[in-house]
Structures are given as C-alpha cells and as structure tokens.
C-alpha cells in the first residue's frame, strides 16, 4: 500500500509510546483484537482492554476507489477517516458538552482512498443510552424531577451545538449516554449525559436550516416510544431556544412544523424497515 508518510500524525499517551506501541504503532493498532461492534465500509469498531482498562477503537482503512468515486458522483465529499470524530470531540469539549474521552488519535497518509487513521476513546462502561433508560417509561415513568432534568440537558446540549454551527447528523436518543452509579442516577437534579458517535459531525459558520431540522427531527422521532407528553416536548423547545415558549412558537412556526413532518416521516420509515 502506497501511503504518504510526510503527514503522519500520532497522538498517544506517553506510557503507550514508551511501552506496547514503542515500535510499529500503526501495525500493532490495526491488528488489535477485541469485541467487534462494526466492520463495514473500511471501518472496524471494537472494544479492547489494555492493562485492566477498557477502550473503544475505530480503525479506518480508507474508502477504496469505488466508495470514493460514488461519493463524488453524488456531489458529496466523503468522510474518509477518524479525523472528523477527533476534531468533533475537541469541539464539544470546548463547548462544555460531555462526550467520549479522547485517548489517542493517529493518521498515516492523506489520500482518502487508502489512508489509515484511528481514534481510541475511553469506554463509558458506567453509562446507559437514553433509549435503553427510557424504554420502560410508558409503564414505569421516572420521577418528574429526573425527567425534567434530562429533557433540560438534552435541550442544552442540542441548542449549544446548533448555536455553534455544529450538526450531529445522527442525533437519536441512543447517542446520549447517561452516567449511572450502581445502576442509578447519582444526582437526579443534575444528570450527566455524554453525546457520542460523532464521526459525521459537521461545523459551519451558521447551521443551515435543513441540518437543524434533520437533527431535531431525529431526536423527536427517536423519543416517540418513551412516553413523553406534549408538555415535555414544549419544555424542550423552550430550553433549546433559550426564549419564552410563546415567543419560540410565534417566531418559528415553520421550523417546528417541518421538524414534526420530518420526524413522522422518520418514524414511518423506521416502522417499515425496522432497526438497522
């Protein structure tokens, strides 16, 4: 494989640099074995352990000419490696949005067809997704205090991200991880949520309306089956928009109508095709 060696990047902990990755780090990292979560489209995602600690690795092997040209024919520049997620983690941290703690990142080569790149993050093994946490809410609702706090935090994270020009592209409730201690929320008044799966995050000077709608509709549809009320959803709008509810609804009726319409379309498609 002909890789451009002039732009190699290797950001790893010093203990790893002096230890198990002292020689041939890329070779060793791309030979990692562990619990495989995904192996598709040139990317392998796995959980592994090192010195008693658990980590997640995303190993990108390049797009290949077929996928690269397919993206270009669709007038889209493809996301071809771990750089996007690496940058997104740093952006979210700067915005005070908890995410997966970054441990290591590397890139070898620049050609999207055949470059290698990886990102390693800590395993948030003390967390559960909001999708799983809310699965029983229709029959076993949480305390009003906890539900309000979770809605407020999802709205804060989403609003902060959108005002900074960031969109997630896959903003479903399964990508919000709730910190637990011994299976319980430690502080129901101030729960900690981590936003994950950032490989498609994009940043622009100002977030285009269509990407705002897509994110909000994804959140809306993915929460259809956890028993949220109209009052809960209005609370989200108020916190997300940082404005009185009356003003939010009066100023942007077309936005919320578009979100509702797109959310319903997502839900119909989900019911037709089932989980991917």
C-alpha atoms as a PDB file:
ATOM      1  CA  UNK A   1       0.000   0.000   0.000  1.00  0.00           C
ATOM      2  CA  UNK A   2       1.447   3.349  -1.022  1.00  0.00           C
ATOM      3  CA  UNK A   3       0.805   5.755   1.837  1.00  0.00           C
ATOM      4  CA  UNK A   4       2.015   9.343   2.055  1.00  0.00           C
ATOM      5  CA  UNK A   5       4.402   9.304   5.032  1.00  0.00           C
ATOM      6  CA  UNK A   6       5.013  13.068   5.089  1.00  0.00           C
ATOM      7  CA  UNK A   7       1.889  13.896   7.061  1.00  0.00           C
ATOM      8  CA  UNK A   8       1.777  11.178   9.678  1.00  0.00           C
ATOM      9  CA  UNK A   9       0.123  12.105  12.977  1.00  0.00           C
ATOM     10  CA  UNK A  10       0.428  10.017  16.124  1.00  0.00           C
ATOM     11  CA  UNK A  11      -1.068  11.296  19.365  1.00  0.00           C
ATOM     12  CA  UNK A  12      -0.866   8.579  22.025  1.00  0.00           C
ATOM     13  CA  UNK A  13      -0.226   8.555  25.791  1.00  0.00           C
ATOM     14  CA  UNK A  14       3.452   8.650  26.730  1.00  0.00           C
ATOM     15  CA  UNK A  15       3.103   5.372  28.595  1.00  0.00           C
ATOM     16  CA  UNK A  16       1.891   3.712  25.385  1.00  0.00           C
ATOM     17  CA  UNK A  17       4.623   5.376  23.321  1.00  0.00           C
ATOM     18  CA  UNK A  18       7.268   4.006  25.676  1.00  0.00           C
ATOM     19  CA  UNK A  19       5.524   0.673  26.118  1.00  0.00           C
ATOM     20  CA  UNK A  20       3.429  -1.512  23.854  1.00  0.00           C
ATOM     21  CA  UNK A  21       3.428   0.996  20.955  1.00  0.00           C
ATOM     22  CA  UNK A  22       7.127   1.821  21.062  1.00  0.00           C
ATOM     23  CA  UNK A  23       7.726   0.040  17.750  1.00  0.00           C
ATOM     24  CA  UNK A  24       5.441  -0.175  14.706  1.00  0.00           C
ATOM     25  CA  UNK A  25       2.461   1.504  16.419  1.00  0.00           C
ATOM     26  CA  UNK A  26       0.219   1.539  13.346  1.00  0.00           C
ATOM     27  CA  UNK A  27       0.852  -2.130  12.652  1.00  0.00           C
ATOM     28  CA  UNK A  28       0.002  -3.076  16.242  1.00  0.00           C
ATOM     29  CA  UNK A  29      -3.065  -0.854  16.440  1.00  0.00           C
ATOM     30  CA  UNK A  30      -4.564  -2.096  13.191  1.00  0.00           C
ATOM     31  CA  UNK A  31      -4.017  -5.680  14.367  1.00  0.00           C
ATOM     32  CA  UNK A  32      -5.990  -5.079  17.567  1.00  0.00           C
ATOM     33  CA  UNK A  33      -8.462  -7.771  18.573  1.00  0.00           C
ATOM     34  CA  UNK A  34     -11.443  -7.414  20.884  1.00  0.00           C
ATOM     35  CA  UNK A  35     -15.220  -7.359  20.914  1.00  0.00           C
ATOM     36  CA  UNK A  36     -16.198  -6.342  17.393  1.00  0.00           C
ATOM     37  CA  UNK A  37     -19.126  -3.906  17.066  1.00  0.00           C
ATOM     38  CA  UNK A  38     -18.823  -2.930  13.414  1.00  0.00           C
ATOM     39  CA  UNK A  39     -16.798  -3.990  10.390  1.00  0.00           C
ATOM     40  CA  UNK A  40     -18.104  -2.205   7.334  1.00  0.00           C
ATOM     41  CA  UNK A  41     -17.154   0.377   4.708  1.00  0.00           C
ATOM     42  CA  UNK A  42     -13.484   0.319   5.593  1.00  0.00           C
ATOM     43  CA  UNK A  43     -14.040   0.878   9.321  1.00  0.00           C
ATOM     44  CA  UNK A  44     -13.619  -1.560  12.180  1.00  0.00           C
ATOM     45  CA  UNK A  45     -15.028  -0.616  15.607  1.00  0.00           C
ATOM     46  CA  UNK A  46     -14.080  -2.738  18.585  1.00  0.00           C
ATOM     47  CA  UNK A  47     -13.778  -2.743  22.351  1.00  0.00           C
ATOM     48  CA  UNK A  48     -10.470  -3.869  23.809  1.00  0.00           C
ATOM     49  CA  UNK A  49      -8.666  -3.933  27.137  1.00  0.00           C
ATOM     50  CA  UNK A  50      -5.167  -2.801  27.987  1.00  0.00           C
ATOM     51  CA  UNK A  51      -3.650  -3.027  31.456  1.00  0.00           C
ATOM     52  CA  UNK A  52      -7.054  -3.613  33.024  1.00  0.00           C
ATOM     53  CA  UNK A  53      -8.774  -0.635  31.362  1.00  0.00           C
ATOM     54  CA  UNK A  54     -11.423  -0.778  28.645  1.00  0.00           C
ATOM     55  CA  UNK A  55     -11.272   1.286  25.450  1.00  0.00           C
ATOM     56  CA  UNK A  56     -13.056   1.661  22.123  1.00  0.00           C
ATOM     57  CA  UNK A  57     -11.055   1.808  18.899  1.00  0.00           C
ATOM     58  CA  UNK A  58     -12.296   2.924  15.496  1.00  0.00           C
ATOM     59  CA  UNK A  59      -9.847   1.823  12.809  1.00  0.00           C
ATOM     60  CA  UNK A  60     -10.316   3.352   9.356  1.00  0.00           C
ATOM     61  CA  UNK A  61      -8.645   1.656   6.389  1.00  0.00           C
ATOM     62  CA  UNK A  62      -9.519   4.149   3.655  1.00  0.00           C
ATOM     63  CA  UNK A  63     -12.511   4.368   1.351  1.00  0.00           C
ATOM     64  CA  UNK A  64     -11.252   2.492  -1.675  1.00  0.00           C
ATOM     65  CA  UNK A  65     -11.781   3.863  -5.163  1.00  0.00           C
ATOM     66  CA  UNK A  66     -15.352   2.577  -5.550  1.00  0.00           C
ATOM     67  CA  UNK A  67     -16.763   4.333  -2.458  1.00  0.00           C
ATOM     68  CA  UNK A  68     -14.692   7.449  -3.088  1.00  0.00           C
ATOM     69  CA  UNK A  69     -15.952   7.874  -6.654  1.00  0.00           C
ATOM     70  CA  UNK A  70     -19.523   7.040  -5.631  1.00  0.00           C
ATOM     71  CA  UNK A  71     -19.468   9.924  -3.142  1.00  0.00           C
ATOM     72  CA  UNK A  72     -18.056  12.317  -5.730  1.00  0.00           C
ATOM     73  CA  UNK A  73     -20.720  11.349  -8.263  1.00  0.00           C
ATOM     74  CA  UNK A  74     -23.303  12.249  -5.597  1.00  0.00           C
ATOM     75  CA  UNK A  75     -21.576  15.645  -5.205  1.00  0.00           C
ATOM     76  CA  UNK A  76     -20.546  14.841  -1.630  1.00  0.00           C
ATOM     77  CA  UNK A  77     -17.030  14.934  -0.241  1.00  0.00           C
ATOM     78  CA  UNK A  78     -16.774  11.701   1.746  1.00  0.00           C
ATOM     79  CA  UNK A  79     -15.858  11.398   5.421  1.00  0.00           C
ATOM     80  CA  UNK A  80     -12.828   9.209   4.986  1.00  0.00           C
ATOM     81  CA  UNK A  81     -11.248   8.685   8.363  1.00  0.00           C
ATOM     82  CA  UNK A  82     -11.079   9.306  12.085  1.00  0.00           C
ATOM     83  CA  UNK A  83     -10.142  12.999  11.775  1.00  0.00           C
ATOM     84  CA  UNK A  84     -13.731  14.173  11.809  1.00  0.00           C
ATOM     85  CA  UNK A  85     -14.527  12.467  15.105  1.00  0.00           C
ATOM     86  CA  UNK A  86     -11.211  13.580  16.621  1.00  0.00           C
ATOM     87  CA  UNK A  87     -11.994  17.206  15.783  1.00  0.00           C
ATOM     88  CA  UNK A  88     -15.627  16.867  16.905  1.00  0.00           C
ATOM     89  CA  UNK A  89     -14.600  15.604  20.349  1.00  0.00           C
ATOM     90  CA  UNK A  90     -12.352  18.634  20.801  1.00  0.00           C
ATOM     91  CA  UNK A  91     -15.104  20.996  19.644  1.00  0.00           C
ATOM     92  CA  UNK A  92     -17.658  19.527  22.053  1.00  0.00           C
ATOM     93  CA  UNK A  93     -15.218  19.647  24.945  1.00  0.00           C
ATOM     94  CA  UNK A  94     -14.634  23.345  24.219  1.00  0.00           C
ATOM     95  CA  UNK A  95     -18.424  23.865  24.355  1.00  0.00           C
ATOM     96  CA  UNK A  96     -18.712  22.078  27.736  1.00  0.00           C
ATOM     97  CA  UNK A  97     -20.602  19.164  26.198  1.00  0.00           C
ATOM     98  CA  UNK A  98     -19.563  15.821  27.710  1.00  0.00           C
ATOM     99  CA  UNK A  99     -18.579  13.219  25.139  1.00  0.00           C
ATOM    100  CA  UNK A 100     -16.346  10.154  24.918  1.00  0.00           C
ATOM    101  CA  UNK A 101     -12.950  10.981  26.495  1.00  0.00           C
ATOM    102  CA  UNK A 102     -10.240  11.007  23.855  1.00  0.00           C
ATOM    103  CA  UNK A 103      -7.218   8.765  24.476  1.00  0.00           C
ATOM    104  CA  UNK A 104      -5.365   8.518  21.165  1.00  0.00           C
ATOM    105  CA  UNK A 105      -5.529   9.516  17.520  1.00  0.00           C
ATOM    106  CA  UNK A 106      -3.388   8.825  14.504  1.00  0.00           C
ATOM    107  CA  UNK A 107      -3.272   9.169  10.748  1.00  0.00           C
ATOM    108  CA  UNK A 108      -0.913   7.755   8.141  1.00  0.00           C
ATOM    109  CA  UNK A 109      -1.228   9.221   4.668  1.00  0.00           C
ATOM    110  CA  UNK A 110      -3.597  11.817   3.205  1.00  0.00           C
ATOM    111  CA  UNK A 111      -5.181  10.100   0.209  1.00  0.00           C
ATOM    112  CA  UNK A 112      -8.789   9.316   1.243  1.00  0.00           C
ATOM    113  CA  UNK A 113      -8.711   6.186  -0.897  1.00  0.00           C
ATOM    114  CA  UNK A 114      -6.010   4.405   1.086  1.00  0.00           C
ATOM    115  CA  UNK A 115      -5.012   6.397   4.168  1.00  0.00           C
ATOM    116  CA  UNK A 116      -5.098   4.778   7.583  1.00  0.00           C
ATOM    117  CA  UNK A 117      -6.443   6.545  10.662  1.00  0.00           C
ATOM    118  CA  UNK A 118      -7.684   5.612  14.087  1.00  0.00           C
ATOM    119  CA  UNK A 119      -9.249   7.071  17.193  1.00  0.00           C
ATOM    120  CA  UNK A 120      -9.276   5.498  20.660  1.00  0.00           C
ATOM    121  CA  UNK A 121     -11.594   6.640  23.431  1.00  0.00           C
ATOM    122  CA  UNK A 122     -12.302   5.522  26.971  1.00  0.00           C
ATOM    123  CA  UNK A 123     -15.112   3.033  27.397  1.00  0.00           C
ATOM    124  CA  UNK A 124     -18.022   4.751  29.140  1.00  0.00           C
ATOM    125  CA  UNK A 125     -18.921   1.492  30.845  1.00  0.00           C
ATOM    126  CA  UNK A 126     -20.790   3.234  33.674  1.00  0.00           C
ATOM    127  CA  UNK A 127     -23.361   4.639  31.253  1.00  0.00           C
ATOM    128  CA  UNK A 128     -26.543   3.566  29.515  1.00  0.00           C
ATOM    129  CA  UNK A 129     -28.215   5.115  26.495  1.00  0.00           C
ATOM    130  CA  UNK A 130     -31.307   7.259  26.921  1.00  0.00           C
ATOM    131  CA  UNK A 131     -33.062   4.876  24.568  1.00  0.00           C
ATOM    132  CA  UNK A 132     -32.483   1.953  26.950  1.00  0.00           C
ATOM    133  CA  UNK A 133     -33.027   4.050  30.070  1.00  0.00           C
ATOM    134  CA  UNK A 134     -36.390   5.328  28.793  1.00  0.00           C
ATOM    135  CA  UNK A 135     -37.637   2.032  27.378  1.00  0.00           C
ATOM    136  CA  UNK A 136     -39.916   1.321  30.364  1.00  0.00           C
ATOM    137  CA  UNK A 137     -41.065   4.893  30.938  1.00  0.00           C
ATOM    138  CA  UNK A 138     -44.536   4.341  29.389  1.00  0.00           C
ATOM    139  CA  UNK A 139     -45.318   1.809  32.168  1.00  0.00           C
ATOM    140  CA  UNK A 140     -42.772   2.836  34.797  1.00  0.00           C
ATOM    141  CA  UNK A 141     -42.173   6.591  34.482  1.00  0.00           C
ATOM    142  CA  UNK A 142     -39.170   8.266  36.135  1.00  0.00           C
ATOM    143  CA  UNK A 143     -39.537  10.874  38.825  1.00  0.00           C
ATOM    144  CA  UNK A 144     -40.751  14.240  37.445  1.00  0.00           C
ATOM    145  CA  UNK A 145     -37.539  15.787  38.738  1.00  0.00           C
ATOM    146  CA  UNK A 146     -35.306  13.415  36.783  1.00  0.00           C
ATOM    147  CA  UNK A 147     -37.360  13.613  33.591  1.00  0.00           C
ATOM    148  CA  UNK A 148     -37.283  17.428  33.649  1.00  0.00           C
ATOM    149  CA  UNK A 149     -33.535  17.426  34.243  1.00  0.00           C
ATOM    150  CA  UNK A 150     -32.889  15.002  31.360  1.00  0.00           C
ATOM    151  CA  UNK A 151     -35.061  16.995  28.946  1.00  0.00           C
ATOM    152  CA  UNK A 152     -33.279  20.181  30.007  1.00  0.00           C
ATOM    153  CA  UNK A 153     -29.847  18.640  29.450  1.00  0.00           C
ATOM    154  CA  UNK A 154     -30.679  17.167  26.036  1.00  0.00           C
ATOM    155  CA  UNK A 155     -32.067  20.581  25.033  1.00  0.00           C
ATOM    156  CA  UNK A 156     -28.990  22.391  26.396  1.00  0.00           C
ATOM    157  CA  UNK A 157     -26.588  20.110  24.536  1.00  0.00           C
ATOM    158  CA  UNK A 158     -28.530  20.316  21.269  1.00  0.00           C
ATOM    159  CA  UNK A 159     -29.012  24.085  21.448  1.00  0.00           C
ATOM    160  CA  UNK A 160     -25.375  24.742  22.365  1.00  0.00           C
ATOM    161  CA  UNK A 161     -24.200  22.587  19.483  1.00  0.00           C
ATOM    162  CA  UNK A 162     -26.522  24.194  16.932  1.00  0.00           C
ATOM    163  CA  UNK A 163     -25.690  27.759  18.007  1.00  0.00           C
ATOM    164  CA  UNK A 164     -22.022  26.902  17.452  1.00  0.00           C
ATOM    165  CA  UNK A 165     -22.807  25.820  13.876  1.00  0.00           C
ATOM    166  CA  UNK A 166     -22.480  22.092  14.608  1.00  0.00           C
ATOM    167  CA  UNK A 167     -24.860  19.387  13.479  1.00  0.00           C
ATOM    168  CA  UNK A 168     -24.625  15.753  14.506  1.00  0.00           C
ATOM    169  CA  UNK A 169     -26.347  14.028  11.545  1.00  0.00           C
ATOM    170  CA  UNK A 170     -27.415  11.062  13.741  1.00  0.00           C
ATOM    171  CA  UNK A 171     -28.928  12.822  16.743  1.00  0.00           C
ATOM    172  CA  UNK A 172     -31.003   9.979  18.141  1.00  0.00           C
ATOM    173  CA  UNK A 173     -31.563   9.433  21.860  1.00  0.00           C
ATOM    174  CA  UNK A 174     -29.455   6.255  21.674  1.00  0.00           C
ATOM    175  CA  UNK A 175     -26.436   8.537  21.192  1.00  0.00           C
ATOM    176  CA  UNK A 176     -26.933  10.238  24.553  1.00  0.00           C
ATOM    177  CA  UNK A 177     -25.303   8.161  27.297  1.00  0.00           C
ATOM    178  CA  UNK A 178     -26.461   8.702  30.873  1.00  0.00           C
ATOM    179  CA  UNK A 179     -23.936   8.287  33.683  1.00  0.00           C
ATOM    180  CA  UNK A 180     -25.002   5.829  36.363  1.00  0.00           C
ATOM    181  CA  UNK A 181     -23.568   4.643  39.658  1.00  0.00           C
ATOM    182  CA  UNK A 182     -24.553   1.146  40.731  1.00  0.00           C
ATOM    183  CA  UNK A 183     -27.332   1.292  38.155  1.00  0.00           C
ATOM    184  CA  UNK A 184     -28.836   4.546  39.435  1.00  0.00           C
ATOM    185  CA  UNK A 185     -28.578   8.222  38.538  1.00  0.00           C
ATOM    186  CA  UNK A 186     -26.357   9.723  41.207  1.00  0.00           C
ATOM    187  CA  UNK A 187     -27.890  13.213  41.123  1.00  0.00           C
ATOM    188  CA  UNK A 188     -31.400  13.322  39.585  1.00  0.00           C
ATOM    189  CA  UNK A 189     -31.333  17.132  39.641  1.00  0.00           C
ATOM    190  CA  UNK A 190     -28.189  17.277  37.519  1.00  0.00           C
ATOM    191  CA  UNK A 191     -27.698  14.101  35.441  1.00  0.00           C
ATOM    192  CA  UNK A 192     -24.632  13.829  33.220  1.00  0.00           C
ATOM    193  CA  UNK A 193     -25.179  12.986  29.558  1.00  0.00           C
ATOM    194  CA  UNK A 194     -22.421  12.181  27.068  1.00  0.00           C
ATOM    195  CA  UNK A 195     -23.033  12.737  23.345  1.00  0.00           C
ATOM    196  CA  UNK A 196     -21.373  10.007  21.282  1.00  0.00           C
ATOM    197  CA  UNK A 197     -20.993   8.705  17.712  1.00  0.00           C
ATOM    198  CA  UNK A 198     -19.511  11.902  16.341  1.00  0.00           C
ATOM    199  CA  UNK A 199     -17.942  10.689  13.105  1.00  0.00           C
ATOM    200  CA  UNK A 200     -20.448  12.623  10.932  1.00  0.00           C
ATOM    201  CA  UNK A 201     -20.486  15.884  12.916  1.00  0.00           C
ATOM    202  CA  UNK A 202     -20.026  18.954  10.732  1.00  0.00           C
ATOM    203  CA  UNK A 203     -19.343  22.575  11.637  1.00  0.00           C
ATOM    204  CA  UNK A 204     -20.292  25.652   9.648  1.00  0.00           C
ATOM    205  CA  UNK A 205     -20.290  29.348  10.444  1.00  0.00           C
ATOM    206  CA  UNK A 206     -24.076  29.166  10.748  1.00  0.00           C
ATOM    207  CA  UNK A 207     -26.090  25.965  10.841  1.00  0.00           C
ATOM    208  CA  UNK A 208     -28.229  25.561   7.693  1.00  0.00           C
ATOM    209  CA  UNK A 209     -31.929  25.167   8.387  1.00  0.00           C
ATOM    210  CA  UNK A 210     -32.143  21.730   6.718  1.00  0.00           C
ATOM    211  CA  UNK A 211     -29.492  20.269   9.022  1.00  0.00           C
ATOM    212  CA  UNK A 212     -31.132  21.836  12.061  1.00  0.00           C
ATOM    213  CA  UNK A 213     -34.421  20.215  11.031  1.00  0.00           C
ATOM    214  CA  UNK A 214     -32.737  16.840  10.455  1.00  0.00           C
ATOM    215  CA  UNK A 215     -31.143  16.808  13.923  1.00  0.00           C
ATOM    216  CA  UNK A 216     -34.294  17.943  15.701  1.00  0.00           C
ATOM    217  CA  UNK A 217     -36.485  15.517  13.755  1.00  0.00           C
ATOM    218  CA  UNK A 218     -34.146  12.634  14.608  1.00  0.00           C
ATOM    219  CA  UNK A 219     -34.421  13.495  18.302  1.00  0.00           C
ATOM    220  CA  UNK A 220     -38.178  13.887  18.009  1.00  0.00           C
ATOM    221  CA  UNK A 221     -38.835  10.587  16.261  1.00  0.00           C
ATOM    222  CA  UNK A 222     -36.439   8.552  18.414  1.00  0.00           C
ATOM    223  CA  UNK A 223     -38.324   9.646  21.534  1.00  0.00           C
ATOM    224  CA  UNK A 224     -41.792   8.707  20.239  1.00  0.00           C
ATOM    225  CA  UNK A 225     -41.997   5.484  22.256  1.00  0.00           C
ATOM    226  CA  UNK A 226     -40.728   6.588  25.686  1.00  0.00           C
ATOM    227  CA  UNK A 227     -43.923   8.244  26.870  1.00  0.00           C
ATOM    228  CA  UNK A 228     -43.086  11.938  26.557  1.00  0.00           C
ATOM    229  CA  UNK A 229     -46.027  14.317  26.861  1.00  0.00           C
ATOM    230  CA  UNK A 230     -46.791  17.480  24.892  1.00  0.00           C
ATOM    231  CA  UNK A 231     -45.688  19.432  27.943  1.00  0.00           C
ATOM    232  CA  UNK A 232     -42.337  17.607  27.932  1.00  0.00           C
ATOM    233  CA  UNK A 233     -41.779  18.477  24.275  1.00  0.00           C
ATOM    234  CA  UNK A 234     -42.677  22.132  24.813  1.00  0.00           C
ATOM    235  CA  UNK A 235     -40.177  22.230  27.669  1.00  0.00           C
ATOM    236  CA  UNK A 236     -37.518  21.033  25.235  1.00  0.00           C
ATOM    237  CA  UNK A 237     -38.372  23.790  22.737  1.00  0.00           C
ATOM    238  CA  UNK A 238     -38.096  26.475  25.424  1.00  0.00           C
ATOM    239  CA  UNK A 239     -34.716  25.317  26.756  1.00  0.00           C
ATOM    240  CA  UNK A 240     -33.325  24.598  23.286  1.00  0.00           C
ATOM    241  CA  UNK A 241     -34.286  28.057  22.010  1.00  0.00           C
ATOM    242  CA  UNK A 242     -33.353  29.957  25.196  1.00  0.00           C
ATOM    243  CA  UNK A 243     -36.529  32.025  24.913  1.00  0.00           C
ATOM    244  CA  UNK A 244     -40.065  32.172  26.364  1.00  0.00           C
ATOM    245  CA  UNK A 245     -42.264  29.477  24.875  1.00  0.00           C
ATOM    246  CA  UNK A 246     -44.775  31.934  23.451  1.00  0.00           C
ATOM    247  CA  UNK A 247     -42.016  33.682  21.512  1.00  0.00           C
ATOM    248  CA  UNK A 248     -40.486  30.375  20.352  1.00  0.00           C
ATOM    249  CA  UNK A 249     -43.769  29.208  18.839  1.00  0.00           C
ATOM    250  CA  UNK A 250     -44.643  32.599  17.347  1.00  0.00           C
ATOM    251  CA  UNK A 251     -41.242  33.294  15.789  1.00  0.00           C
ATOM    252  CA  UNK A 252     -40.565  29.911  14.151  1.00  0.00           C
ATOM    253  CA  UNK A 253     -43.811  28.064  13.370  1.00  0.00           C
ATOM    254  CA  UNK A 254     -42.452  26.796  10.036  1.00  0.00           C
ATOM    255  CA  UNK A 255     -39.392  25.291  11.751  1.00  0.00           C
ATOM    256  CA  UNK A 256     -41.410  23.268  14.245  1.00  0.00           C
ATOM    257  CA  UNK A 257     -43.901  22.189  11.593  1.00  0.00           C
ATOM    258  CA  UNK A 258     -41.013  20.959   9.441  1.00  0.00           C
ATOM    259  CA  UNK A 259     -39.493  19.108  12.412  1.00  0.00           C
ATOM    260  CA  UNK A 260     -42.822  17.398  13.140  1.00  0.00           C
ATOM    261  CA  UNK A 261     -43.305  16.419   9.489  1.00  0.00           C
ATOM    262  CA  UNK A 262     -39.745  15.067   9.153  1.00  0.00           C
ATOM    263  CA  UNK A 263     -39.961  13.259  12.481  1.00  0.00           C
ATOM    264  CA  UNK A 264     -43.155  11.492  11.423  1.00  0.00           C
ATOM    265  CA  UNK A 265     -41.501  10.520   8.123  1.00  0.00           C
ATOM    266  CA  UNK A 266     -38.507   9.082  10.011  1.00  0.00           C
ATOM    267  CA  UNK A 267     -40.879   7.096  12.220  1.00  0.00           C
ATOM    268  CA  UNK A 268     -42.837   5.663   9.291  1.00  0.00           C
ATOM    269  CA  UNK A 269     -39.586   4.626   7.627  1.00  0.00           C
ATOM    270  CA  UNK A 270     -38.366   3.070  10.877  1.00  0.00           C
ATOM    271  CA  UNK A 271     -41.569   1.054  11.245  1.00  0.00           C
ATOM    272  CA  UNK A 272     -41.404  -0.066   7.629  1.00  0.00           C
ATOM    273  CA  UNK A 273     -37.739  -1.113   7.614  1.00  0.00           C
ATOM    274  CA  UNK A 274     -37.113  -1.854  11.280  1.00  0.00           C
ATOM    275  CA  UNK A 275     -33.873  -1.096  13.200  1.00  0.00           C
ATOM    276  CA  UNK A 276     -30.733  -1.063  11.069  1.00  0.00           C
END
